Protein backbone atom coordinates (compact mmCIF):
# COMPACT_ATOMS: atom_id res chain seq x y z
CA UNK A 1 0.00 0.00 0.00
CA UNK A 2 0.97 3.66 -0.33
CA UNK A 3 3.16 5.64 2.04
CA UNK A 4 1.26 8.76 3.10
CA UNK A 5 2.44 11.98 4.72
CA UNK A 6 -0.28 14.02 6.44
CA UNK A 7 0.37 17.70 7.04
CA UNK A 8 -2.02 19.11 9.64
CA UNK A 9 -2.51 21.69 12.36
CA UNK A 10 -2.02 20.43 15.89
CA UNK A 11 -5.42 21.93 16.77
CA UNK A 12 -7.05 19.32 14.51
CA UNK A 13 -5.32 16.26 16.00
CA UNK A 14 -8.52 14.57 17.21
CA UNK A 15 -10.06 14.69 13.73
CA UNK A 16 -6.79 13.54 12.16
CA UNK A 17 -6.66 10.52 14.48
CA UNK A 18 -9.98 9.26 13.06
CA UNK A 19 -8.75 9.61 9.47
CA UNK A 20 -5.46 7.88 10.28
CA UNK A 21 -7.30 4.92 11.81
CA UNK A 22 -9.50 4.60 8.73
CA UNK A 23 -6.55 4.65 6.33
CA UNK A 24 -4.46 2.28 8.43
CA UNK A 25 -7.39 -0.16 8.42
CA UNK A 26 -6.98 -0.31 4.65
CA UNK A 27 -3.26 -1.04 4.96
CA UNK A 28 -1.72 2.34 4.15
CA UNK A 29 1.51 3.40 5.87
CA UNK A 30 1.05 6.83 7.41
CA UNK A 31 3.50 9.30 8.87
CA UNK A 32 2.48 12.44 10.67
CA UNK A 33 4.25 14.65 13.13
CA UNK A 34 3.23 13.69 16.67
CA UNK A 35 5.93 15.76 18.30
CA UNK A 36 4.62 19.09 17.02
CA UNK A 37 7.59 21.08 18.29
CA UNK A 38 11.33 20.68 18.32
CA UNK A 39 14.66 21.77 16.95
CA UNK A 40 16.49 21.34 13.70
CA UNK A 41 16.58 17.53 13.92
CA UNK A 42 12.77 17.49 14.33
CA UNK A 43 12.35 19.67 11.24
CA UNK A 44 14.86 17.61 9.25
CA UNK A 45 12.87 14.46 10.03
CA UNK A 46 9.68 16.07 8.73
CA UNK A 47 11.38 17.10 5.48
CA UNK A 48 12.84 13.60 5.08
CA UNK A 49 9.41 12.01 5.43
CA UNK A 50 8.01 14.39 2.81
CA UNK A 51 10.83 13.37 0.48
CA UNK A 52 10.02 9.67 0.92
CA UNK A 53 6.21 9.73 0.74
CA UNK A 54 4.08 8.50 -2.18
CA UNK A 55 1.25 10.92 -1.49
CA UNK A 56 1.21 14.20 0.41
CA UNK A 57 -2.11 14.87 2.16
CA UNK A 58 -2.80 18.37 3.48
CA UNK A 59 -5.59 18.41 6.07
CA UNK A 60 -7.41 21.66 5.39
CA UNK A 61 -8.96 23.72 8.15
CA UNK A 62 -8.86 27.31 9.30
CA UNK A 63 -5.95 26.52 11.62
CA UNK A 64 -4.06 24.68 8.87
CA UNK A 65 -4.23 27.70 6.59
CA UNK A 66 -2.83 29.91 9.35
CA UNK A 67 0.06 27.55 10.16
CA UNK A 68 3.48 28.73 9.00
CA UNK A 69 4.92 25.22 9.36
CA UNK A 70 2.17 23.73 7.16
CA UNK A 71 2.84 26.34 4.47
CA UNK A 72 6.55 25.52 4.47
CA UNK A 73 5.83 21.79 4.27
CA UNK A 74 3.48 22.36 1.32
CA UNK A 75 6.04 24.49 -0.52
CA UNK A 76 8.65 21.77 -0.08
CA UNK A 77 6.24 19.09 -1.31
CA UNK A 78 5.62 21.20 -4.41
CA UNK A 79 9.33 21.65 -4.98
CA UNK A 80 9.70 17.86 -4.85
CA UNK A 81 6.82 17.41 -7.36
CA UNK A 82 4.89 15.35 -4.83
CA UNK A 83 1.36 14.17 -5.61
CA UNK A 84 -0.69 16.44 -3.36
CA UNK A 85 -4.18 15.44 -2.21
CA UNK A 86 -5.98 18.14 -0.19
CA UNK A 87 -8.58 16.86 2.27
CA UNK A 88 -11.06 19.05 4.11
CA UNK A 89 -11.21 18.06 7.78
CA UNK A 90 -13.03 21.10 9.21
CA UNK A 91 -15.24 23.48 7.21
CA UNK A 92 -14.23 26.67 9.00
CA UNK A 93 -12.54 28.50 6.13
CA UNK A 94 -13.43 30.22 2.87
CA UNK A 95 -12.23 28.17 -0.11
CA UNK A 96 -11.88 31.38 -2.15
CA UNK A 97 -8.80 32.20 -0.11
CA UNK A 98 -6.99 28.89 -0.43
CA UNK A 99 -3.30 28.83 -1.23
CA UNK A 100 -2.71 28.77 -5.01
CA UNK A 101 -1.01 25.37 -4.75
CA UNK A 102 -4.24 23.91 -3.33
CA UNK A 103 -6.95 25.97 -5.04
CA UNK A 104 -6.40 24.28 -8.41
CA UNK A 105 -6.66 20.75 -6.97
CA UNK A 106 -9.71 18.58 -6.26
CA UNK A 107 -10.49 18.77 -2.53
CA UNK A 108 -11.82 15.62 -0.86
CA UNK A 109 -14.23 16.31 2.00
CA UNK A 110 -13.55 13.89 4.86
CA UNK A 111 -15.09 15.98 7.61
CA UNK A 112 -16.57 13.91 10.43
CA UNK A 113 -20.11 12.80 9.62
CA UNK A 114 -19.56 12.77 5.86
CA UNK A 115 -20.05 9.07 5.13
CA UNK A 116 -18.79 9.35 1.54
CA UNK A 117 -15.67 11.27 2.46
CA UNK A 118 -13.15 8.58 3.31
CA UNK A 119 -14.41 6.39 0.47
CA UNK A 120 -13.73 9.28 -1.93
CA UNK A 121 -10.25 9.61 -0.43
CA UNK A 122 -9.59 5.90 -0.93
CA UNK A 123 -10.68 6.24 -4.54
CA UNK A 124 -8.41 9.25 -5.00
CA UNK A 125 -5.45 7.29 -3.61
CA UNK A 126 -6.24 4.35 -5.88
CA UNK A 127 -6.44 6.46 -9.04
CA UNK A 128 -3.78 9.12 -8.44
CA UNK A 129 -0.24 8.65 -9.70
CA UNK A 130 2.27 8.17 -6.85
CA UNK A 131 4.97 10.79 -6.47
CA UNK A 132 8.20 10.37 -8.41
CA UNK A 133 11.42 9.63 -6.57
CA UNK A 134 13.01 12.61 -4.86
CA UNK A 135 15.33 14.51 -7.22
CA UNK A 136 19.08 14.51 -6.83
CA UNK A 137 20.17 17.03 -5.75
CA UNK A 138 17.25 17.90 -3.50
CA UNK A 139 15.68 21.37 -3.70
CA UNK A 140 16.66 23.92 -1.08
CA UNK A 141 15.11 22.90 2.23
CA UNK A 142 12.81 25.45 3.91
CA UNK A 143 14.03 26.99 7.12
CA UNK A 144 12.65 25.68 10.39
CA UNK A 145 9.51 27.62 11.40
CA UNK A 146 9.77 29.69 14.54
CA UNK A 147 6.63 29.00 16.54
CA UNK A 148 5.39 30.46 19.79
CA UNK A 149 6.59 27.37 21.64
CA UNK A 150 9.95 27.51 19.90
CA UNK A 151 10.44 31.01 21.26
CA UNK A 152 9.59 29.78 24.76
CA UNK A 153 12.05 26.90 24.35
CA UNK A 154 14.77 29.36 23.46
CA UNK A 155 14.19 31.06 26.82
CA UNK A 156 14.03 27.73 28.66
CA UNK A 157 17.26 26.50 27.04
CA UNK A 158 19.08 29.77 27.65
CA UNK A 159 22.40 29.46 29.47
CA UNK A 160 21.65 32.72 31.25
CA UNK A 161 20.15 32.47 34.77
CA UNK A 162 16.38 32.88 35.05
CA UNK A 163 15.02 34.78 38.02
CA UNK A 164 11.74 34.22 39.86
CA UNK A 165 9.68 36.47 37.58
CA UNK A 166 11.10 34.94 34.38
CA UNK A 167 10.43 31.38 35.54
CA UNK A 168 6.91 32.27 36.68
CA UNK A 169 6.23 33.95 33.33
CA UNK A 170 7.30 30.80 31.48
CA UNK A 171 4.97 28.64 33.56
CA UNK A 172 2.09 31.06 32.95
CA UNK A 173 2.69 31.04 29.16
CA UNK A 174 3.02 27.25 29.01
CA UNK A 175 -0.18 26.73 31.01
CA UNK A 176 -2.05 29.26 28.89
CA UNK A 177 -0.81 27.65 25.67
CA UNK A 178 -1.88 24.19 26.83
CA UNK A 179 -5.37 25.32 27.81
CA UNK A 180 -5.84 27.10 24.49
CA UNK A 181 -4.38 24.44 22.17
CA UNK A 182 -4.28 21.12 24.05
CA UNK A 183 -0.70 20.46 22.85
CA UNK A 184 0.07 18.06 25.69
CA UNK A 185 3.11 16.40 24.08
CA UNK A 186 4.75 19.71 23.19
CA UNK A 187 4.08 21.30 26.60
CA UNK A 188 5.39 18.23 28.42
CA UNK A 189 8.62 18.44 26.47
CA UNK A 190 9.00 22.11 27.40
CA UNK A 191 8.23 21.34 31.07
CA UNK A 192 10.86 18.58 31.13
CA UNK A 193 13.47 21.01 29.85
CA UNK A 194 12.41 23.66 32.37
CA UNK A 195 12.50 21.10 35.19
CA UNK A 196 16.05 20.13 34.20
CA UNK A 197 17.39 23.66 34.79
CA UNK A 198 19.73 23.85 37.76
CA UNK A 199 18.43 27.27 38.76
CA UNK A 200 14.78 26.16 38.92
CA UNK A 201 13.22 27.48 42.11
CA UNK A 202 11.32 25.13 44.42
CA UNK A 203 7.99 26.95 44.12
CA UNK A 204 8.30 26.94 40.30
CA UNK A 205 9.09 23.23 40.46
CA UNK A 206 5.79 22.68 42.24
CA UNK A 207 4.06 24.66 39.49
CA UNK A 208 5.71 22.42 36.91
CA UNK A 209 4.42 19.32 38.71
CA UNK A 210 0.92 20.80 38.96
CA UNK A 211 0.81 21.59 35.24
CA UNK A 212 2.07 18.11 34.35
CA UNK A 213 -0.67 16.61 36.50
CA UNK A 214 -3.28 18.81 34.80
CA UNK A 215 -2.03 17.67 31.39
CA UNK A 216 -2.14 14.01 32.44
CA UNK A 217 -5.67 14.28 33.81
CA UNK A 218 -6.87 16.07 30.67
CA UNK A 219 -5.29 13.43 28.45
CA UNK A 220 -6.89 10.65 30.49
CA UNK A 221 -10.32 12.28 30.17
CA UNK A 222 -9.89 12.65 26.41
CA UNK A 223 -8.76 9.05 26.08
CA UNK A 224 -11.66 7.77 28.18
CA UNK A 225 -14.10 9.81 26.11
CA UNK A 226 -12.60 8.36 22.94
CA UNK A 227 -12.84 4.82 24.33
CA UNK A 228 -16.46 5.36 25.34
CA UNK A 229 -17.29 6.41 21.79
CA UNK A 230 -15.52 3.29 20.49
CA UNK A 231 -17.46 0.89 22.72
CA UNK A 232 -20.46 0.87 20.38
CA UNK A 233 -19.96 -1.77 17.66
CA UNK A 234 -20.28 0.87 14.94
CA UNK A 235 -18.10 0.40 11.88
CA UNK A 236 -15.09 2.64 11.43
CA UNK A 237 -15.61 5.93 9.60
CA UNK A 238 -14.43 4.47 6.32
CA UNK A 239 -17.05 1.71 6.61
CA UNK A 240 -19.98 4.03 7.12
CA UNK A 241 -20.45 4.27 3.37
CA UNK A 242 -21.29 0.57 3.21
CA UNK A 243 -24.44 0.42 5.29
CA UNK A 244 -26.39 -1.62 2.75
CA UNK A 245 -26.02 -3.38 -0.56
CA UNK A 246 -28.66 -1.03 -1.96
CA UNK A 247 -26.47 2.00 -1.34
CA UNK A 248 -23.53 0.42 -3.14
CA UNK A 249 -25.59 -0.80 -6.10
CA UNK A 250 -27.10 2.68 -6.40
CA UNK A 251 -23.62 4.13 -6.70
CA UNK A 252 -22.70 1.49 -9.26
CA UNK A 253 -25.71 2.48 -11.35
CA UNK A 254 -24.72 6.13 -11.03
CA UNK A 255 -21.27 5.30 -12.36
CA UNK A 256 -22.83 3.69 -15.44
CA UNK A 257 -25.28 6.55 -16.00
CA UNK A 258 -22.60 9.22 -15.76
CA UNK A 259 -20.34 7.40 -18.20
CA UNK A 260 -17.64 6.50 -15.71
CA UNK A 261 -17.78 2.92 -16.96
CA UNK A 262 -19.72 0.72 -19.44
CA UNK A 263 -23.07 -0.93 -18.77
CA UNK A 264 -21.72 -4.48 -18.82
CA UNK A 265 -19.51 -3.62 -15.85
CA UNK A 266 -22.56 -3.13 -13.63
CA UNK A 267 -23.45 -6.81 -13.49
CA UNK A 268 -19.86 -7.87 -13.02
CA UNK A 269 -19.47 -5.28 -10.26
CA UNK A 270 -22.42 -6.73 -8.36
CA UNK A 271 -20.76 -10.14 -8.65
CA UNK A 272 -17.50 -8.64 -7.35
CA UNK A 273 -19.42 -7.03 -4.50
CA UNK A 274 -20.94 -10.35 -3.43
CA UNK A 275 -17.92 -12.51 -4.27
CA UNK A 276 -14.76 -10.38 -3.82
CA UNK A 277 -12.39 -13.18 -4.83
CA UNK A 278 -14.03 -13.27 -8.26
CA UNK A 279 -13.71 -9.49 -8.34
CA UNK A 280 -9.94 -9.73 -7.94
CA UNK A 281 -9.75 -12.12 -10.90
CA UNK A 282 -11.93 -9.86 -13.07
CA UNK A 283 -9.85 -6.83 -12.15
CA UNK A 284 -6.64 -8.41 -13.43
CA UNK A 285 -8.39 -9.68 -16.56
CA UNK A 286 -9.58 -6.18 -17.54
CA UNK A 287 -6.88 -4.02 -15.98
CA UNK A 288 -5.15 -3.42 -19.33
CA UNK A 289 -7.88 -4.05 -21.89
CA UNK A 290 -10.70 -2.14 -20.19
CA UNK A 291 -9.43 0.26 -17.48
CA UNK A 292 -12.83 1.84 -16.81
CA UNK A 293 -14.44 -1.52 -16.17
CA UNK A 294 -11.47 -2.67 -14.07
CA UNK A 295 -11.68 0.47 -11.96
CA UNK A 296 -15.32 -0.13 -11.08
CA UNK A 297 -14.64 -3.82 -10.43
CA UNK A 298 -11.87 -2.84 -8.03
CA UNK A 299 -14.21 -0.43 -6.22
CA UNK A 300 -16.89 -3.10 -5.84
CA UNK A 301 -14.35 -5.71 -4.72
CA UNK A 302 -13.06 -3.43 -1.95
CA UNK A 303 -16.66 -2.79 -0.88
CA UNK A 304 -17.29 -6.53 -0.81
CA UNK A 305 -14.30 -7.23 1.40
CA UNK A 306 -15.40 -4.46 3.76
CA UNK A 307 -18.89 -5.96 3.94
CA UNK A 308 -17.39 -9.26 5.02
CA UNK A 309 -15.20 -7.53 7.60
CA UNK A 310 -18.25 -5.79 9.03
CA UNK A 311 -20.19 -9.07 9.18
CA UNK A 312 -17.28 -10.83 10.89
CA UNK A 313 -16.84 -7.93 13.33
CA UNK A 314 -20.51 -7.85 14.25
CA UNK A 315 -20.74 -11.62 14.61
CA UNK A 316 -17.75 -11.59 16.94
CA UNK A 317 -19.06 -8.82 19.17
CA UNK A 318 -22.31 -10.48 20.30
CA UNK A 319 -23.27 -11.20 23.91
CA UNK A 320 -21.87 -14.74 23.78
């Protein structure tokens, strides 16, 4: 399966986690930045992953479009001639003001609650051409973005002594940033560095411990909430498209009516839907001689396999 790089704003991490789970279920290898803050080695790792990816996904939201780091990542992906697939994760921005690199591309809407979204993304990944190998020599790498947290880390890592007021100000800013953004991993890293300072005052140390405890409790509540939502035997987001055979056959008919494939493919697609193994055989038979038909067969075969996975999952989650 494809190697995907997802560029996103840290404020959208909960939404991104759902999309990652859906794509990993289908076997894709996904890399995204979980650290969210760091030095040059952190930034170099991000650029290296962009260089090695097959597809570059940019997770569009209002916060994404305001992120300097995301803009730099996108510019580098363009310089590498990466295959860019924009996905809309939160509809809180005006598409008229999209970056030029994105505005001309087809945007796939995968916002939570859109049952067709992830299916459309899977189709886009199946039909798009993977990125070419990274050029040699590589284009000029973008400079590391200087974020608000990076500026705080510069103060924390300073070799100059920090007095009571300076240390208290750092704690205040870190706490405020956590409560506004929820960047627990990034704030914990900054707190560890602050705690390691030899001139850290005892009362500030207690503030560090209190903020770490607040972060831990918040993370536990979020995790418990996520687990509670997962307790219901509902299919994953990517499976929500396949609630009934009627829905799938309706889409197959639509594909025929809109000219996306030939009429004969409809019957074969239904067979592939009900008997996915046969669908695999038909796909390879027509892959070269009839690409349109093969494409629809592949779509129906994937749907068929997912149906069986849902049936197996539901049968294994009963009261016995």
